[in-house]
Amino acid sequence: MNVLKKEEIVGAARKLFTQYGYKKVTMEEIAKEAGVTKKTVYAYFKDKEELFRYIILEEMEKNRKAIEKIEKKGLPFLEQVHETIYTVFKRKKANHFLITITNEAENFKNPKILDAIKMMDAEVKKYIKEKLTYAMEHQYIRPCNVEILTFVIYKVYMAITFELDLEEKIDPKEVSNKIFGILKNGILVQK
């Protein structure tokens, strides 16, 4: 199989999903945008759902690489978690493809899109939970219910990233740093 053709198909699908949403785009339109036949598209992807899932997995891989880059900095525990979560949500907010499908998921309750978004969000929650569990086991943070703390941290960063109205002249990074300070003073073991 030709890798270049596959990339063209994926790029065309991403472009069309970003412009029109998942539901409105057909495999025929993807083929036309990619400059290939519909048969060629089906040679790489059995259906639109598989192609969509492929793009979502690409996004998750990009997040993993961003996380690895942050982890290599050797930051203290909570600073690493803070920077990682903020980076992932900032990437999500700047990504027009993800914005379009998130809006479509919310507006039309499309189960395929909802599943994809849940899969991405589960990855972020898993990361937070793993880091908190590690920190508690190594006594970097006070003993707590990791599930609840994971939920709180996740929801706070979601709110900062998606619900903070930019017209209010509030800097999301500054709010994020304030939340980080509260977490730091509230859960870190004082040594």
N, C-alpha and C. Protein backbone atom coordinates (compact mmCIF):
# COMPACT_ATOMS: atom_id res chain seq x y z
N MET A 1 0.84 -1.19 0.00
CA MET A 1 0.00 0.00 0.00
C MET A 1 0.88 1.25 0.00
N ASN A 2 0.41 2.24 -0.66
CA ASN A 2 1.14 3.50 -0.81
C ASN A 2 0.88 4.41 0.40
N VAL A 3 1.94 4.67 1.18
CA VAL A 3 1.83 5.50 2.38
C VAL A 3 1.40 6.92 2.04
N LEU A 4 1.93 7.45 0.96
CA LEU A 4 1.59 8.80 0.54
C LEU A 4 0.09 8.92 0.24
N LYS A 5 -0.47 7.94 -0.46
CA LYS A 5 -1.91 7.96 -0.77
C LYS A 5 -2.73 7.95 0.52
N LYS A 6 -2.30 7.09 1.46
CA LYS A 6 -3.02 7.00 2.73
C LYS A 6 -2.99 8.35 3.44
N GLU A 7 -1.83 9.01 3.45
CA GLU A 7 -1.72 10.32 4.09
C GLU A 7 -2.61 11.35 3.39
N GLU A 8 -2.71 11.27 2.08
CA GLU A 8 -3.57 12.19 1.33
C GLU A 8 -5.04 11.97 1.70
N ILE A 9 -5.41 10.71 1.82
CA ILE A 9 -6.79 10.37 2.21
C ILE A 9 -7.09 10.88 3.62
N VAL A 10 -6.17 10.63 4.53
CA VAL A 10 -6.35 11.08 5.92
C VAL A 10 -6.41 12.60 5.98
N GLY A 11 -5.53 13.27 5.25
CA GLY A 11 -5.53 14.74 5.22
C GLY A 11 -6.83 15.29 4.65
N ALA A 12 -7.32 14.67 3.60
CA ALA A 12 -8.58 15.11 3.00
C ALA A 12 -9.75 14.90 3.98
N ALA A 13 -9.76 13.76 4.64
CA ALA A 13 -10.83 13.47 5.60
C ALA A 13 -10.78 14.46 6.76
N ARG A 14 -9.58 14.70 7.27
CA ARG A 14 -9.42 15.65 8.38
C ARG A 14 -9.95 17.04 7.97
N LYS A 15 -9.58 17.47 6.75
CA LYS A 15 -10.02 18.78 6.25
C LYS A 15 -11.55 18.84 6.16
N LEU A 16 -12.15 17.81 5.57
CA LEU A 16 -13.60 17.81 5.40
C LEU A 16 -14.34 17.66 6.73
N PHE A 17 -13.83 16.80 7.62
CA PHE A 17 -14.45 16.67 8.94
C PHE A 17 -14.37 18.00 9.70
N THR A 18 -13.28 18.71 9.52
CA THR A 18 -13.10 20.01 10.19
C THR A 18 -14.08 21.03 9.63
N GLN A 19 -14.27 21.03 8.33
CA GLN A 19 -15.17 22.02 7.69
C GLN A 19 -16.64 21.70 7.90
N TYR A 20 -17.00 20.41 7.80
CA TYR A 20 -18.42 20.06 7.75
C TYR A 20 -18.89 19.15 8.89
N GLY A 21 -17.97 18.62 9.66
CA GLY A 21 -18.34 17.67 10.70
C GLY A 21 -18.36 16.25 10.16
N TYR A 22 -18.37 15.32 11.04
CA TYR A 22 -18.30 13.90 10.68
C TYR A 22 -19.53 13.45 9.90
N LYS A 23 -20.69 13.80 10.40
CA LYS A 23 -21.95 13.29 9.85
C LYS A 23 -22.18 13.68 8.38
N LYS A 24 -21.81 14.90 8.02
CA LYS A 24 -22.13 15.42 6.68
C LYS A 24 -21.17 14.97 5.58
N VAL A 25 -20.03 14.38 5.97
CA VAL A 25 -19.01 14.01 4.99
C VAL A 25 -19.19 12.56 4.55
N THR A 26 -19.08 12.33 3.23
CA THR A 26 -19.18 10.97 2.69
C THR A 26 -17.81 10.48 2.24
N MET A 27 -17.70 9.18 2.09
CA MET A 27 -16.45 8.60 1.59
C MET A 27 -16.18 9.08 0.16
N GLU A 28 -17.22 9.30 -0.59
CA GLU A 28 -17.06 9.79 -1.96
C GLU A 28 -16.44 11.20 -1.95
N GLU A 29 -16.90 12.06 -1.04
CA GLU A 29 -16.33 13.40 -0.94
C GLU A 29 -14.87 13.36 -0.49
N ILE A 30 -14.56 12.44 0.40
CA ILE A 30 -13.18 12.28 0.85
C ILE A 30 -12.30 11.86 -0.32
N ALA A 31 -12.78 10.90 -1.11
CA ALA A 31 -12.02 10.44 -2.27
C ALA A 31 -11.77 11.59 -3.25
N LYS A 32 -12.82 12.36 -3.51
CA LYS A 32 -12.68 13.48 -4.43
C LYS A 32 -11.68 14.50 -3.91
N GLU A 33 -11.75 14.83 -2.64
CA GLU A 33 -10.83 15.80 -2.03
C GLU A 33 -9.39 15.29 -2.07
N ALA A 34 -9.21 13.97 -1.90
CA ALA A 34 -7.87 13.37 -1.91
C ALA A 34 -7.35 13.14 -3.31
N GLY A 35 -8.22 13.25 -4.30
CA GLY A 35 -7.81 13.03 -5.68
C GLY A 35 -7.61 11.56 -6.01
N VAL A 36 -8.42 10.71 -5.36
CA VAL A 36 -8.35 9.27 -5.60
C VAL A 36 -9.77 8.75 -5.83
N THR A 37 -9.86 7.49 -6.20
CA THR A 37 -11.18 6.90 -6.37
C THR A 37 -11.72 6.45 -5.01
N LYS A 38 -13.02 6.27 -4.97
CA LYS A 38 -13.66 5.77 -3.75
C LYS A 38 -13.11 4.38 -3.41
N LYS A 39 -12.83 3.60 -4.44
CA LYS A 39 -12.28 2.25 -4.26
C LYS A 39 -10.92 2.33 -3.54
N THR A 40 -10.13 3.33 -3.90
CA THR A 40 -8.83 3.51 -3.25
C THR A 40 -9.00 3.82 -1.77
N VAL A 41 -9.97 4.67 -1.44
CA VAL A 41 -10.22 5.00 -0.03
C VAL A 41 -10.58 3.73 0.72
N TYR A 42 -11.45 2.91 0.13
CA TYR A 42 -11.87 1.67 0.79
C TYR A 42 -10.75 0.63 0.85
N ALA A 43 -9.74 0.78 0.05
CA ALA A 43 -8.58 -0.13 0.13
C ALA A 43 -7.79 0.13 1.42
N TYR A 44 -7.87 1.36 1.93
CA TYR A 44 -7.15 1.72 3.15
C TYR A 44 -8.04 1.68 4.40
N PHE A 45 -9.30 2.01 4.23
CA PHE A 45 -10.23 2.09 5.37
C PHE A 45 -11.55 1.43 5.00
N LYS A 46 -12.01 0.53 5.85
CA LYS A 46 -13.23 -0.22 5.51
C LYS A 46 -14.48 0.66 5.49
N ASP A 47 -14.46 1.76 6.30
CA ASP A 47 -15.60 2.67 6.29
C ASP A 47 -15.18 4.01 6.90
N LYS A 48 -16.10 4.94 6.90
CA LYS A 48 -15.83 6.29 7.40
C LYS A 48 -15.49 6.26 8.89
N GLU A 49 -16.13 5.38 9.63
CA GLU A 49 -15.87 5.28 11.07
C GLU A 49 -14.42 4.86 11.34
N GLU A 50 -13.91 3.90 10.57
CA GLU A 50 -12.53 3.47 10.75
C GLU A 50 -11.56 4.62 10.41
N LEU A 51 -11.86 5.36 9.37
CA LEU A 51 -11.02 6.50 8.98
C LEU A 51 -11.05 7.58 10.08
N PHE A 52 -12.22 7.84 10.59
CA PHE A 52 -12.37 8.82 11.67
C PHE A 52 -11.58 8.38 12.91
N ARG A 53 -11.70 7.12 13.24
CA ARG A 53 -10.98 6.58 14.41
C ARG A 53 -9.47 6.68 14.20
N TYR A 54 -9.01 6.46 12.99
CA TYR A 54 -7.60 6.58 12.66
C TYR A 54 -7.10 8.00 12.96
N ILE A 55 -7.89 9.00 12.58
CA ILE A 55 -7.52 10.39 12.83
C ILE A 55 -7.49 10.68 14.33
N ILE A 56 -8.46 10.15 15.05
CA ILE A 56 -8.49 10.33 16.51
C ILE A 56 -7.25 9.71 17.14
N LEU A 57 -6.87 8.52 16.69
CA LEU A 57 -5.68 7.86 17.22
C LEU A 57 -4.42 8.67 16.91
N GLU A 58 -4.39 9.31 15.74
CA GLU A 58 -3.28 10.21 15.41
C GLU A 58 -3.20 11.36 16.40
N GLU A 59 -4.36 11.92 16.73
CA GLU A 59 -4.40 13.02 17.70
C GLU A 59 -3.89 12.55 19.06
N MET A 60 -4.28 11.35 19.46
CA MET A 60 -3.83 10.82 20.74
C MET A 60 -2.31 10.60 20.73
N GLU A 61 -1.78 10.18 19.62
CA GLU A 61 -0.33 9.98 19.50
C GLU A 61 0.40 11.33 19.61
N LYS A 62 -0.17 12.36 19.02
CA LYS A 62 0.43 13.70 19.14
C LYS A 62 0.44 14.15 20.60
N ASN A 63 -0.64 13.85 21.33
CA ASN A 63 -0.68 14.17 22.75
C ASN A 63 0.40 13.40 23.51
N ARG A 64 0.55 12.11 23.20
CA ARG A 64 1.57 11.30 23.87
C ARG A 64 2.97 11.90 23.67
N LYS A 65 3.24 12.32 22.45
CA LYS A 65 4.55 12.91 22.15
C LYS A 65 4.75 14.23 22.91
N ALA A 66 3.70 15.03 23.01
CA ALA A 66 3.79 16.28 23.77
C ALA A 66 4.06 15.99 25.25
N ILE A 67 3.41 14.95 25.77
CA ILE A 67 3.60 14.55 27.17
C ILE A 67 5.03 14.06 27.40
N GLU A 68 5.52 13.24 26.50
CA GLU A 68 6.90 12.74 26.62
C GLU A 68 7.90 13.89 26.64
N LYS A 69 7.66 14.88 25.82
CA LYS A 69 8.55 16.05 25.77
C LYS A 69 8.57 16.77 27.11
N ILE A 70 7.41 16.91 27.72
CA ILE A 70 7.31 17.57 29.03
C ILE A 70 7.99 16.72 30.10
N GLU A 71 7.77 15.41 30.06
CA GLU A 71 8.35 14.53 31.06
C GLU A 71 9.88 14.55 31.02
N LYS A 72 10.45 14.79 29.86
CA LYS A 72 11.91 14.84 29.72
C LYS A 72 12.51 16.08 30.38
N LYS A 73 11.69 17.06 30.70
CA LYS A 73 12.19 18.29 31.33
C LYS A 73 12.63 18.06 32.77
N GLY A 74 12.13 16.99 33.39
CA GLY A 74 12.50 16.69 34.77
C GLY A 74 11.91 17.65 35.79
N LEU A 75 10.72 18.15 35.53
CA LEU A 75 10.05 19.07 36.45
C LEU A 75 9.61 18.35 37.72
N PRO A 76 9.45 19.10 38.81
CA PRO A 76 8.85 18.48 40.01
C PRO A 76 7.47 17.94 39.67
N PHE A 77 7.03 16.97 40.46
CA PHE A 77 5.81 16.22 40.17
C PHE A 77 4.61 17.08 39.77
N LEU A 78 4.19 17.96 40.65
CA LEU A 78 2.95 18.70 40.39
C LEU A 78 3.11 19.67 39.22
N GLU A 79 4.28 20.26 39.05
CA GLU A 79 4.52 21.14 37.91
C GLU A 79 4.42 20.36 36.60
N GLN A 80 4.92 19.13 36.61
CA GLN A 80 4.84 18.29 35.41
C GLN A 80 3.39 17.97 35.07
N VAL A 81 2.61 17.60 36.08
CA VAL A 81 1.18 17.30 35.85
C VAL A 81 0.48 18.55 35.33
N HIS A 82 0.74 19.68 35.97
CA HIS A 82 0.11 20.94 35.58
C HIS A 82 0.43 21.29 34.12
N GLU A 83 1.71 21.26 33.77
CA GLU A 83 2.11 21.62 32.41
C GLU A 83 1.55 20.64 31.39
N THR A 84 1.54 19.37 31.74
CA THR A 84 1.02 18.35 30.82
C THR A 84 -0.46 18.55 30.54
N ILE A 85 -1.24 18.69 31.59
CA ILE A 85 -2.69 18.85 31.42
C ILE A 85 -2.99 20.12 30.65
N TYR A 86 -2.33 21.20 31.03
CA TYR A 86 -2.57 22.47 30.35
C TYR A 86 -2.20 22.37 28.87
N THR A 87 -1.09 21.72 28.57
CA THR A 87 -0.64 21.56 27.18
C THR A 87 -1.63 20.75 26.37
N VAL A 88 -2.11 19.65 26.93
CA VAL A 88 -3.06 18.79 26.22
C VAL A 88 -4.35 19.56 25.93
N PHE A 89 -4.87 20.27 26.92
CA PHE A 89 -6.11 21.01 26.70
C PHE A 89 -5.90 22.19 25.75
N LYS A 90 -4.74 22.84 25.84
CA LYS A 90 -4.44 23.95 24.93
C LYS A 90 -4.37 23.44 23.49
N ARG A 91 -3.76 22.26 23.31
CA ARG A 91 -3.70 21.66 21.97
C ARG A 91 -5.11 21.36 21.47
N LYS A 92 -5.95 20.84 22.37
CA LYS A 92 -7.31 20.48 21.99
C LYS A 92 -8.09 21.73 21.57
N LYS A 93 -7.90 22.82 22.30
CA LYS A 93 -8.64 24.05 22.00
C LYS A 93 -8.17 24.69 20.69
N ALA A 94 -6.89 24.53 20.36
CA ALA A 94 -6.35 25.13 19.14
C ALA A 94 -6.57 24.26 17.90
N ASN A 95 -7.02 23.05 18.10
CA ASN A 95 -7.17 22.10 17.00
C ASN A 95 -8.59 22.22 16.43
N HIS A 96 -8.72 22.80 15.25
CA HIS A 96 -10.04 23.03 14.66
C HIS A 96 -10.80 21.74 14.38
N PHE A 97 -10.08 20.69 14.05
CA PHE A 97 -10.72 19.39 13.84
C PHE A 97 -11.41 18.95 15.13
N LEU A 98 -10.69 19.00 16.24
CA LEU A 98 -11.25 18.57 17.52
C LEU A 98 -12.39 19.49 17.98
N ILE A 99 -12.27 20.77 17.71
CA ILE A 99 -13.34 21.70 18.07
C ILE A 99 -14.61 21.35 17.30
N THR A 100 -14.47 21.11 16.00
CA THR A 100 -15.63 20.77 15.18
C THR A 100 -16.30 19.49 15.65
N ILE A 101 -15.51 18.46 15.89
CA ILE A 101 -16.15 17.19 16.28
C ILE A 101 -16.70 17.25 17.70
N THR A 102 -16.06 18.04 18.57
CA THR A 102 -16.59 18.20 19.93
C THR A 102 -17.94 18.91 19.87
N ASN A 103 -18.03 19.95 19.07
CA ASN A 103 -19.31 20.66 18.91
C ASN A 103 -20.37 19.75 18.30
N GLU A 104 -19.97 18.97 17.30
CA GLU A 104 -20.93 18.05 16.67
C GLU A 104 -21.40 17.01 17.68
N ALA A 105 -20.50 16.53 18.50
CA ALA A 105 -20.86 15.53 19.52
C ALA A 105 -21.87 16.11 20.50
N GLU A 106 -21.63 17.35 20.92
CA GLU A 106 -22.53 17.99 21.88
C GLU A 106 -23.88 18.33 21.25
N ASN A 107 -23.86 18.82 20.01
CA ASN A 107 -25.10 19.26 19.37
C ASN A 107 -25.97 18.11 18.86
N PHE A 108 -25.34 17.09 18.31
CA PHE A 108 -26.11 16.03 17.68
C PHE A 108 -26.06 14.70 18.42
N LYS A 109 -25.29 14.65 19.49
CA LYS A 109 -25.18 13.43 20.31
C LYS A 109 -24.82 12.22 19.45
N ASN A 110 -23.94 12.44 18.48
CA ASN A 110 -23.50 11.36 17.59
C ASN A 110 -22.67 10.36 18.40
N PRO A 111 -23.13 9.11 18.52
CA PRO A 111 -22.42 8.13 19.37
C PRO A 111 -21.00 7.83 18.91
N LYS A 112 -20.74 7.84 17.61
CA LYS A 112 -19.39 7.56 17.12
C LYS A 112 -18.42 8.65 17.57
N ILE A 113 -18.86 9.88 17.48
CA ILE A 113 -18.02 11.00 17.89
C ILE A 113 -17.90 11.05 19.41
N LEU A 114 -19.02 10.83 20.10
CA LEU A 114 -18.97 10.82 21.56
C LEU A 114 -17.99 9.77 22.06
N ASP A 115 -17.99 8.60 21.44
CA ASP A 115 -17.05 7.54 21.83
C ASP A 115 -15.60 7.96 21.62
N ALA A 116 -15.35 8.63 20.50
CA ALA A 116 -13.98 9.08 20.20
C ALA A 116 -13.52 10.12 21.21
N ILE A 117 -14.41 11.04 21.56
CA ILE A 117 -14.04 12.07 22.52
C ILE A 117 -13.85 11.45 23.90
N LYS A 118 -14.72 10.51 24.25
CA LYS A 118 -14.56 9.83 25.55
C LYS A 118 -13.23 9.09 25.60
N MET A 119 -12.83 8.51 24.49
CA MET A 119 -11.56 7.78 24.43
C MET A 119 -10.40 8.74 24.68
N MET A 120 -10.43 9.92 24.07
CA MET A 120 -9.37 10.91 24.27
C MET A 120 -9.38 11.42 25.71
N ASP A 121 -10.55 11.72 26.22
CA ASP A 121 -10.65 12.21 27.59
C ASP A 121 -10.21 11.16 28.60
N ALA A 122 -10.53 9.91 28.32
CA ALA A 122 -10.12 8.80 29.20
C ALA A 122 -8.59 8.73 29.28
N GLU A 123 -7.94 9.02 28.16
CA GLU A 123 -6.48 9.01 28.13
C GLU A 123 -5.91 10.09 29.06
N VAL A 124 -6.50 11.27 29.06
CA VAL A 124 -6.05 12.36 29.93
C VAL A 124 -6.30 11.98 31.39
N LYS A 125 -7.49 11.47 31.68
CA LYS A 125 -7.82 11.07 33.06
C LYS A 125 -6.89 9.95 33.54
N LYS A 126 -6.59 9.02 32.68
CA LYS A 126 -5.68 7.93 33.04
C LYS A 126 -4.31 8.49 33.41
N TYR A 127 -3.82 9.44 32.62
CA TYR A 127 -2.53 10.06 32.90
C TYR A 127 -2.55 10.73 34.28
N ILE A 128 -3.58 11.52 34.55
CA ILE A 128 -3.68 12.23 35.83
C ILE A 128 -3.70 11.21 36.98
N LYS A 129 -4.53 10.19 36.84
CA LYS A 129 -4.66 9.18 37.89
C LYS A 129 -3.33 8.46 38.14
N GLU A 130 -2.63 8.10 37.08
CA GLU A 130 -1.34 7.42 37.23
C GLU A 130 -0.35 8.30 37.97
N LYS A 131 -0.31 9.58 37.60
CA LYS A 131 0.62 10.50 38.25
C LYS A 131 0.26 10.71 39.72
N LEU A 132 -1.03 10.83 40.03
CA LEU A 132 -1.45 11.02 41.41
C LEU A 132 -1.17 9.77 42.25
N THR A 133 -1.43 8.61 41.68
CA THR A 133 -1.17 7.35 42.39
C THR A 133 0.32 7.23 42.71
N TYR A 134 1.15 7.51 41.73
CA TYR A 134 2.59 7.46 41.92
C TYR A 134 3.01 8.44 43.03
N ALA A 135 2.48 9.65 42.97
CA ALA A 135 2.85 10.68 43.95
C ALA A 135 2.41 10.30 45.35
N MET A 136 1.24 9.69 45.47
CA MET A 136 0.76 9.28 46.79
C MET A 136 1.61 8.13 47.33
N GLU A 137 1.93 7.15 46.47
CA GLU A 137 2.75 6.01 46.88
C GLU A 137 4.14 6.46 47.33
N HIS A 138 4.66 7.54 46.74
CA HIS A 138 5.99 8.04 47.08
C HIS A 138 5.93 9.21 48.07
N GLN A 139 4.75 9.42 48.63
CA GLN A 139 4.49 10.43 49.66
C GLN A 139 4.84 11.86 49.21
N TYR A 140 4.60 12.13 47.92
CA TYR A 140 4.75 13.50 47.43
C TYR A 140 3.48 14.30 47.72
N ILE A 141 2.36 13.58 47.77
CA ILE A 141 1.08 14.22 48.10
C ILE A 141 0.45 13.48 49.27
N ARG A 142 -0.46 14.16 49.91
CA ARG A 142 -1.17 13.57 51.05
C ARG A 142 -2.07 12.44 50.57
N PRO A 143 -2.33 11.46 51.44
CA PRO A 143 -3.27 10.39 51.07
C PRO A 143 -4.64 10.99 50.75
N CYS A 144 -5.24 10.50 49.68
CA CYS A 144 -6.54 11.02 49.26
C CYS A 144 -7.23 9.99 48.38
N ASN A 145 -8.47 10.29 48.03
CA ASN A 145 -9.20 9.46 47.08
C ASN A 145 -8.74 9.89 45.68
N VAL A 146 -7.93 9.06 45.05
CA VAL A 146 -7.33 9.41 43.76
C VAL A 146 -8.39 9.60 42.68
N GLU A 147 -9.46 8.81 42.72
CA GLU A 147 -10.53 8.95 41.72
C GLU A 147 -11.15 10.34 41.78
N ILE A 148 -11.45 10.78 42.99
CA ILE A 148 -12.08 12.09 43.14
C ILE A 148 -11.12 13.21 42.75
N LEU A 149 -9.88 13.11 43.20
CA LEU A 149 -8.90 14.15 42.86
C LEU A 149 -8.65 14.19 41.36
N THR A 150 -8.59 13.04 40.71
CA THR A 150 -8.44 12.99 39.25
C THR A 150 -9.60 13.73 38.58
N PHE A 151 -10.82 13.44 39.03
CA PHE A 151 -12.01 14.07 38.49
C PHE A 151 -11.95 15.59 38.66
N VAL A 152 -11.58 16.05 39.85
CA VAL A 152 -11.53 17.49 40.14
C VAL A 152 -10.49 18.17 39.26
N ILE A 153 -9.30 17.62 39.20
CA ILE A 153 -8.24 18.23 38.38
C ILE A 153 -8.65 18.27 36.92
N TYR A 154 -9.20 17.17 36.43
CA TYR A 154 -9.64 17.10 35.03
C TYR A 154 -10.69 18.18 34.74
N LYS A 155 -11.70 18.26 35.58
CA LYS A 155 -12.80 19.21 35.36
C LYS A 155 -12.32 20.67 35.46
N VAL A 156 -11.42 20.94 36.38
CA VAL A 156 -10.90 22.29 36.51
C VAL A 156 -10.18 22.71 35.24
N TYR A 157 -9.33 21.84 34.73
CA TYR A 157 -8.59 22.18 33.51
C TYR A 157 -9.51 22.25 32.29
N MET A 158 -10.54 21.43 32.28
CA MET A 158 -11.54 21.52 31.19
C MET A 158 -12.20 22.90 31.22
N ALA A 159 -12.59 23.32 32.41
CA ALA A 159 -13.26 24.62 32.54
C ALA A 159 -12.33 25.75 32.11
N ILE A 160 -11.07 25.68 32.52
CA ILE A 160 -10.11 26.72 32.14
C ILE A 160 -9.98 26.77 30.62
N THR A 161 -9.90 25.61 30.01
CA THR A 161 -9.63 25.54 28.59
C THR A 161 -10.84 25.88 27.73
N PHE A 162 -12.02 25.39 28.11
CA PHE A 162 -13.17 25.51 27.21
C PHE A 162 -14.25 26.47 27.67
N GLU A 163 -14.31 26.79 28.94
CA GLU A 163 -15.42 27.60 29.42
C GLU A 163 -15.03 29.01 29.80
N LEU A 164 -13.75 29.26 29.87
CA LEU A 164 -13.29 30.60 30.23
C LEU A 164 -13.53 31.52 29.04
N ASP A 165 -14.36 32.53 29.24
CA ASP A 165 -14.70 33.47 28.18
C ASP A 165 -13.54 34.45 27.98
N LEU A 166 -12.96 34.41 26.80
CA LEU A 166 -11.81 35.25 26.51
C LEU A 166 -12.15 36.74 26.52
N GLU A 167 -13.42 37.07 26.35
CA GLU A 167 -13.82 38.47 26.36
C GLU A 167 -13.77 39.07 27.76
N GLU A 168 -13.68 38.22 28.77
CA GLU A 168 -13.64 38.71 30.15
C GLU A 168 -12.25 39.20 30.53
N LYS A 169 -11.31 39.18 29.61
CA LYS A 169 -9.94 39.64 29.85
C LYS A 169 -9.26 38.84 30.96
N ILE A 170 -9.59 37.58 31.05
CA ILE A 170 -8.96 36.69 32.02
C ILE A 170 -8.01 35.78 31.26
N ASP A 171 -6.78 35.76 31.70
CA ASP A 171 -5.76 34.94 31.06
C ASP A 171 -5.88 33.50 31.54
N PRO A 172 -6.18 32.55 30.64
CA PRO A 172 -6.32 31.15 31.04
C PRO A 172 -5.06 30.61 31.71
N LYS A 173 -3.91 31.05 31.28
CA LYS A 173 -2.66 30.58 31.88
C LYS A 173 -2.56 31.06 33.33
N GLU A 174 -2.97 32.31 33.57
CA GLU A 174 -2.93 32.84 34.94
C GLU A 174 -3.90 32.08 35.83
N VAL A 175 -5.11 31.81 35.33
CA VAL A 175 -6.08 31.04 36.10
C VAL A 175 -5.52 29.64 36.38
N SER A 176 -4.94 29.04 35.37
CA SER A 176 -4.34 27.72 35.51
C SER A 176 -3.26 27.73 36.59
N ASN A 177 -2.44 28.77 36.60
CA ASN A 177 -1.39 28.88 37.61
C ASN A 177 -1.97 29.05 39.02
N LYS A 178 -3.06 29.77 39.14
CA LYS A 178 -3.72 29.92 40.46
C LYS A 178 -4.25 28.57 40.94
N ILE A 179 -4.88 27.84 40.04
CA ILE A 179 -5.39 26.50 40.40
C ILE A 179 -4.22 25.61 40.81
N PHE A 180 -3.13 25.70 40.08
CA PHE A 180 -1.92 24.94 40.41
C PHE A 180 -1.46 25.27 41.83
N GLY A 181 -1.47 26.56 42.19
CA GLY A 181 -1.08 26.97 43.54
C GLY A 181 -1.98 26.39 44.60
N ILE A 182 -3.28 26.38 44.34
CA ILE A 182 -4.23 25.80 45.29
C ILE A 182 -3.97 24.31 45.46
N LEU A 183 -3.78 23.61 44.36
CA LEU A 183 -3.49 22.18 44.43
C LEU A 183 -2.18 21.93 45.18
N LYS A 184 -1.18 22.72 44.85
CA LYS A 184 0.14 22.56 45.46
C LYS A 184 0.06 22.72 46.98
N ASN A 185 -0.64 23.74 47.42
CA ASN A 185 -0.75 23.99 48.86
C ASN A 185 -1.74 23.07 49.55
N GLY A 186 -2.62 22.48 48.77
CA GLY A 186 -3.65 21.63 49.35
C GLY A 186 -3.32 20.15 49.39
N ILE A 187 -2.50 19.66 48.47
CA ILE A 187 -2.27 18.21 48.44
C ILE A 187 -0.82 17.80 48.61
N LEU A 188 0.13 18.72 48.40
CA LEU A 188 1.52 18.33 48.54
C LEU A 188 1.88 18.14 50.01
N VAL A 189 2.72 17.17 50.26
CA VAL A 189 3.24 16.96 51.60
C VAL A 189 4.27 18.06 51.83
N GLN A 190 4.13 18.77 52.90
CA GLN A 190 5.08 19.84 53.23
C GLN A 190 6.32 19.24 53.86
N LYS A 191 7.47 19.48 53.25
CA LYS A 191 8.73 18.92 53.77
C LYS A 191 9.66 20.02 54.20
